[in-house]
């Protein structure tokens, strides 16, 4: 799976997180940014699917 985040979006999310050094040896900031970006994409996709379903159900 490839994560394709624009530098602008990355910085927006980085400012929201702004954490100290990770105590577990991973880049916590980058990990959180990737997770938040993917969740946002999934939410957008889900909203579109729900809207489509509503339109289909209203035709019946």
Protein backbone atom coordinates (compact mmCIF):
# COMPACT_ATOMS: atom_id res chain seq x y z
CA UNK A 1 0.00 0.00 0.00
CA UNK A 2 1.39 3.36 -0.97
CA UNK A 3 0.73 6.52 1.00
CA UNK A 4 0.74 9.53 -1.24
CA UNK A 5 0.47 12.69 0.86
CA UNK A 6 1.27 16.13 -0.45
CA UNK A 7 3.91 18.09 1.45
CA UNK A 8 1.29 20.71 2.31
CA UNK A 9 -1.08 18.10 3.76
CA UNK A 10 1.80 16.48 5.64
CA UNK A 11 2.73 19.78 7.28
CA UNK A 12 -0.90 20.51 8.18
CA UNK A 13 -1.17 17.19 9.98
CA UNK A 14 2.29 17.54 11.54
CA UNK A 15 1.28 20.85 13.14
CA UNK A 16 -1.81 19.17 14.61
CA UNK A 17 0.25 16.41 16.18
CA UNK A 18 3.51 18.15 17.17
CA UNK A 19 4.88 15.52 19.55
CA UNK A 20 8.16 15.12 21.36
CA UNK A 21 10.56 12.35 20.40
CA UNK A 22 9.00 8.95 20.21
CA UNK A 23 9.95 6.70 23.16
CA UNK A 24 9.32 3.52 21.16
CA UNK A 25 11.89 3.98 18.41
CA UNK A 26 9.48 4.82 15.60
CA UNK A 27 8.71 8.09 13.93
CA UNK A 28 5.48 8.72 15.83
CA UNK A 29 4.72 11.93 13.96
CA UNK A 30 4.96 10.30 10.55
CA UNK A 31 2.99 7.27 11.73
CA UNK A 32 0.18 9.44 13.08
CA UNK A 33 0.14 11.56 9.95
CA UNK A 34 -0.21 8.50 7.73
CA UNK A 35 -2.98 7.10 9.91
CA UNK A 36 -4.91 10.37 10.07
CA UNK A 37 -4.60 10.92 6.34
CA UNK A 38 -5.82 7.41 5.55
CA UNK A 39 -8.73 7.76 7.99
CA UNK A 40 -9.71 11.02 6.35
CA UNK A 41 -9.63 9.38 2.91
CA UNK A 42 -11.73 6.49 4.18
CA UNK A 43 -14.24 8.87 5.75
CA UNK A 44 -14.59 10.80 2.50
CA UNK A 45 -15.08 7.57 0.58
CA UNK A 46 -17.65 6.33 3.09
CA UNK A 47 -19.60 9.59 2.86
CA UNK A 48 -19.74 9.27 -0.93
CA UNK A 49 -20.94 5.67 -0.66
CA UNK A 50 -23.63 6.64 1.84
CA UNK A 51 -24.83 9.43 -0.44
CA UNK A 52 -24.98 7.01 -3.37
CA UNK A 53 -26.92 4.50 -1.30
CA UNK A 54 -29.41 7.17 -0.22
CA UNK A 55 -29.97 8.17 -3.86
CA UNK A 56 -30.50 4.55 -4.87
CA UNK A 57 -32.88 3.90 -1.99
CA UNK A 58 -34.91 7.02 -2.78
CA UNK A 59 -35.50 5.73 -6.32
CA UNK A 60 -37.24 2.62 -5.00
